[in-house]
Amino acid sequence: MSLEHPSWWDAHSDQPYKLARSEKPRLQAANLNEYLRTALCALGSLPTIAWHYARPKRIASPTPRDFVGLGVSPDHGSHQAVSDLVEELGVQNLLLRVPSWHADKLDYYLDFAGRFKGH
């Protein structure tokens, strides 16, 4: 089954196409109030953030095996090939991307996810 994506979706990178410079919003006077509120919030939070990073760490960092994962999608390649590659890599954490416009096809994604029960 080949899933259809919207015209603005880049199938190669599995994310939206990059916007052209002309399509990007610019700084406008109407947005200055929002920028000011954001700046004041950041300045107000700065002492707490600085204190948090200045004190000694009490928790150990996760090991790469527990921290690193892999994003998989049923859109690319054979499902068996993807499953075999994940098994070969020994990945413990998987992220399955389900675009919101495929909400009506959840069973398809659940069947694909069922191949990775140990991950």
C-alpha atoms as a PDB file:
ATOM      1  CA  MET A   1       0.000   0.000   0.000  1.00  0.00           C
ATOM      2  CA  SER A   2       1.408   3.355  -1.009  1.00  0.00           C
ATOM      3  CA  LEU A   3       0.231   6.193   1.172  1.00  0.00           C
ATOM      4  CA  GLU A   4      -0.593   9.544  -0.384  1.00  0.00           C
ATOM      5  CA  HIS A   5       0.924  12.701   1.045  1.00  0.00           C
ATOM      6  CA  PRO A   6      -0.125  16.338   0.530  1.00  0.00           C
ATOM      7  CA  SER A   7       1.553  18.296  -2.254  1.00  0.00           C
ATOM      8  CA  TRP A   8       3.616  20.279   0.282  1.00  0.00           C
ATOM      9  CA  TRP A   9       5.187  17.110   1.745  1.00  0.00           C
ATOM     10  CA  ASP A  10       8.710  16.092   0.701  1.00  0.00           C
ATOM     11  CA  ALA A  11       8.705  12.305   0.436  1.00  0.00           C
ATOM     12  CA  HIS A  12      12.511  12.117   0.399  1.00  0.00           C
ATOM     13  CA  SER A  13      13.052  13.853   3.731  1.00  0.00           C
ATOM     14  CA  ASP A  14       9.701  12.811   5.248  1.00  0.00           C
ATOM     15  CA  GLN A  15       8.892  16.387   6.238  1.00  0.00           C
ATOM     16  CA  PRO A  16       7.384  19.505   4.619  1.00  0.00           C
ATOM     17  CA  TYR A  17       9.246  21.199   1.780  1.00  0.00           C
ATOM     18  CA  LYS A  18      11.479  24.100   2.772  1.00  0.00           C
ATOM     19  CA  LEU A  19       9.753  27.470   2.404  1.00  0.00           C
ATOM     20  CA  ALA A  20      11.075  29.959  -0.119  1.00  0.00           C
ATOM     21  CA  ARG A  21      12.407  33.225   1.328  1.00  0.00           C
ATOM     22  CA  SER A  22       9.403  35.092  -0.051  1.00  0.00           C
ATOM     23  CA  GLU A  23       7.015  32.822   1.894  1.00  0.00           C
ATOM     24  CA  LYS A  24       8.696  33.267   5.272  1.00  0.00           C
ATOM     25  CA  PRO A  25       7.071  35.721   7.673  1.00  0.00           C
ATOM     26  CA  ARG A  26       9.058  38.844   8.422  1.00  0.00           C
ATOM     27  CA  LEU A  27       9.308  40.964  11.532  1.00  0.00           C
ATOM     28  CA  GLN A  28       6.207  43.114  11.661  1.00  0.00           C
ATOM     29  CA  ALA A  29       5.081  45.814  14.054  1.00  0.00           C
ATOM     30  CA  ALA A  30       2.010  43.737  14.890  1.00  0.00           C
ATOM     31  CA  ASN A  31       4.288  41.017  16.287  1.00  0.00           C
ATOM     32  CA  LEU A  32       6.470  43.289  18.433  1.00  0.00           C
ATOM     33  CA  ASN A  33       4.198  42.879  21.457  1.00  0.00           C
ATOM     34  CA  GLU A  34       4.619  39.102  21.272  1.00  0.00           C
ATOM     35  CA  TYR A  35       8.402  39.396  20.893  1.00  0.00           C
ATOM     36  CA  LEU A  36       8.552  41.738  23.882  1.00  0.00           C
ATOM     37  CA  ARG A  37       6.544  39.327  26.036  1.00  0.00           C
ATOM     38  CA  THR A  38       8.816  36.457  25.002  1.00  0.00           C
ATOM     39  CA  ALA A  39      11.957  38.470  25.795  1.00  0.00           C
ATOM     40  CA  LEU A  40      10.636  39.507  29.219  1.00  0.00           C
ATOM     41  CA  CYS A  41       9.687  35.932  30.029  1.00  0.00           C
ATOM     42  CA  ALA A  42      13.167  34.727  29.030  1.00  0.00           C
ATOM     43  CA  LEU A  43      14.851  37.439  31.104  1.00  0.00           C
ATOM     44  CA  GLY A  44      12.652  36.637  34.090  1.00  0.00           C
ATOM     45  CA  SER A  45      13.489  32.944  33.812  1.00  0.00           C
ATOM     46  CA  LEU A  46      17.217  33.506  33.349  1.00  0.00           C
ATOM     47  CA  PRO A  47      18.190  33.350  37.068  1.00  0.00           C
ATOM     48  CA  THR A  48      16.359  30.056  37.564  1.00  0.00           C
ATOM     49  CA  ILE A  49      17.844  28.565  34.418  1.00  0.00           C
ATOM     50  CA  ALA A  50      21.351  29.737  35.342  1.00  0.00           C
ATOM     51  CA  TRP A  51      20.986  28.282  38.857  1.00  0.00           C
ATOM     52  CA  HIS A  52      19.807  24.968  37.431  1.00  0.00           C
ATOM     53  CA  TYR A  53      22.822  24.637  35.146  1.00  0.00           C
ATOM     54  CA  ALA A  54      25.314  25.943  37.726  1.00  0.00           C
ATOM     55  CA  ARG A  55      24.546  23.353  40.403  1.00  0.00           C
ATOM     56  CA  PRO A  56      26.106  19.895  40.253  1.00  0.00           C
ATOM     57  CA  LYS A  57      24.283  17.193  38.352  1.00  0.00           C
ATOM     58  CA  ARG A  58      22.645  14.534  40.491  1.00  0.00           C
ATOM     59  CA  ILE A  59      21.456  12.174  37.808  1.00  0.00           C
ATOM     60  CA  ALA A  60      23.578  10.168  35.443  1.00  0.00           C
ATOM     61  CA  SER A  61      23.206  10.694  31.726  1.00  0.00           C
ATOM     62  CA  PRO A  62      21.429   7.896  29.902  1.00  0.00           C
ATOM     63  CA  THR A  63      23.563   5.437  28.021  1.00  0.00           C
ATOM     64  CA  PRO A  64      23.485   5.803  24.241  1.00  0.00           C
ATOM     65  CA  ARG A  65      21.692   2.455  23.999  1.00  0.00           C
ATOM     66  CA  ASP A  66      18.814   3.845  26.074  1.00  0.00           C
ATOM     67  CA  PHE A  67      18.903   7.321  24.575  1.00  0.00           C
ATOM     68  CA  VAL A  68      19.384   6.831  20.843  1.00  0.00           C
ATOM     69  CA  GLY A  69      16.470   5.664  18.741  1.00  0.00           C
ATOM     70  CA  LEU A  70      15.419   5.322  15.143  1.00  0.00           C
ATOM     71  CA  GLY A  71      12.477   6.734  13.225  1.00  0.00           C
ATOM     72  CA  VAL A  72      10.745   4.261  10.929  1.00  0.00           C
ATOM     73  CA  SER A  73       8.001   4.675   8.385  1.00  0.00           C
ATOM     74  CA  PRO A  74       6.016   2.137   6.380  1.00  0.00           C
ATOM     75  CA  ASP A  75       6.254   4.446   3.351  1.00  0.00           C
ATOM     76  CA  HIS A  76       9.826   3.542   2.454  1.00  0.00           C
ATOM     77  CA  GLY A  77      10.857   0.109   1.255  1.00  0.00           C
ATOM     78  CA  SER A  78       9.604  -3.336   2.074  1.00  0.00           C
ATOM     79  CA  HIS A  79       8.248  -3.815   5.576  1.00  0.00           C
ATOM     80  CA  GLN A  80      10.305  -6.974   5.985  1.00  0.00           C
ATOM     81  CA  ALA A  81      13.471  -5.158   4.875  1.00  0.00           C
ATOM     82  CA  VAL A  82      12.867  -2.366   7.399  1.00  0.00           C
ATOM     83  CA  SER A  83      12.236  -4.928  10.125  1.00  0.00           C
ATOM     84  CA  ASP A  84      15.433  -6.800   9.239  1.00  0.00           C
ATOM     85  CA  LEU A  85      17.492  -3.591   9.279  1.00  0.00           C
ATOM     86  CA  VAL A  86      16.131  -2.585  12.686  1.00  0.00           C
ATOM     87  CA  GLU A  87      16.955  -6.048  14.000  1.00  0.00           C
ATOM     88  CA  GLU A  88      20.458  -5.879  12.514  1.00  0.00           C
ATOM     89  CA  LEU A  89      21.107  -2.463  14.070  1.00  0.00           C
ATOM     90  CA  GLY A  90      19.945  -3.643  17.481  1.00  0.00           C
ATOM     91  CA  VAL A  91      17.933  -0.480  18.075  1.00  0.00           C
ATOM     92  CA  GLN A  92      15.912  -0.514  21.298  1.00  0.00           C
ATOM     93  CA  ASN A  93      13.803   2.635  20.821  1.00  0.00           C
ATOM     94  CA  LEU A  94      11.709   3.229  17.722  1.00  0.00           C
ATOM     95  CA  LEU A  95       9.675   6.234  16.675  1.00  0.00           C
ATOM     96  CA  LEU A  96       6.841   5.551  14.265  1.00  0.00           C
ATOM     97  CA  ARG A  97       5.742   8.649  12.395  1.00  0.00           C
ATOM     98  CA  VAL A  98       2.015   8.791  11.707  1.00  0.00           C
ATOM     99  CA  PRO A  99       1.040  11.934   9.787  1.00  0.00           C
ATOM    100  CA  SER A 100      -2.176  13.516  11.011  1.00  0.00           C
ATOM    101  CA  TRP A 101      -3.757  13.194   7.564  1.00  0.00           C
ATOM    102  CA  HIS A 102      -3.386   9.391   7.882  1.00  0.00           C
ATOM    103  CA  ALA A 103      -5.459   9.179  11.064  1.00  0.00           C
ATOM    104  CA  ASP A 104      -8.032   7.082   9.222  1.00  0.00           C
ATOM    105  CA  LYS A 105      -5.318   4.530   8.327  1.00  0.00           C
ATOM    106  CA  LEU A 106      -4.157   3.732  11.868  1.00  0.00           C
ATOM    107  CA  ASP A 107      -4.681  -0.011  11.403  1.00  0.00           C
ATOM    108  CA  TYR A 108      -2.091   0.029   8.619  1.00  0.00           C
ATOM    109  CA  TYR A 109       0.414   1.704  10.947  1.00  0.00           C
ATOM    110  CA  LEU A 110      -0.437  -0.631  13.826  1.00  0.00           C
ATOM    111  CA  ASP A 111       0.186  -3.651  11.598  1.00  0.00           C
ATOM    112  CA  PHE A 112       3.556  -2.189  10.642  1.00  0.00           C
ATOM    113  CA  ALA A 113       4.390  -1.436  14.290  1.00  0.00           C
ATOM    114  CA  GLY A 114       3.495  -5.015  15.227  1.00  0.00           C
ATOM    115  CA  ARG A 115       6.668  -6.168  13.471  1.00  0.00           C
ATOM    116  CA  PHE A 116       8.748  -4.489  16.185  1.00  0.00           C
ATOM    117  CA  LYS A 117       7.229  -5.922  19.364  1.00  0.00           C
ATOM    118  CA  GLY A 118      10.620  -6.302  21.073  1.00  0.00           C
ATOM    119  CA  HIS A 119      11.606  -2.657  20.543  1.00  0.00           C
END
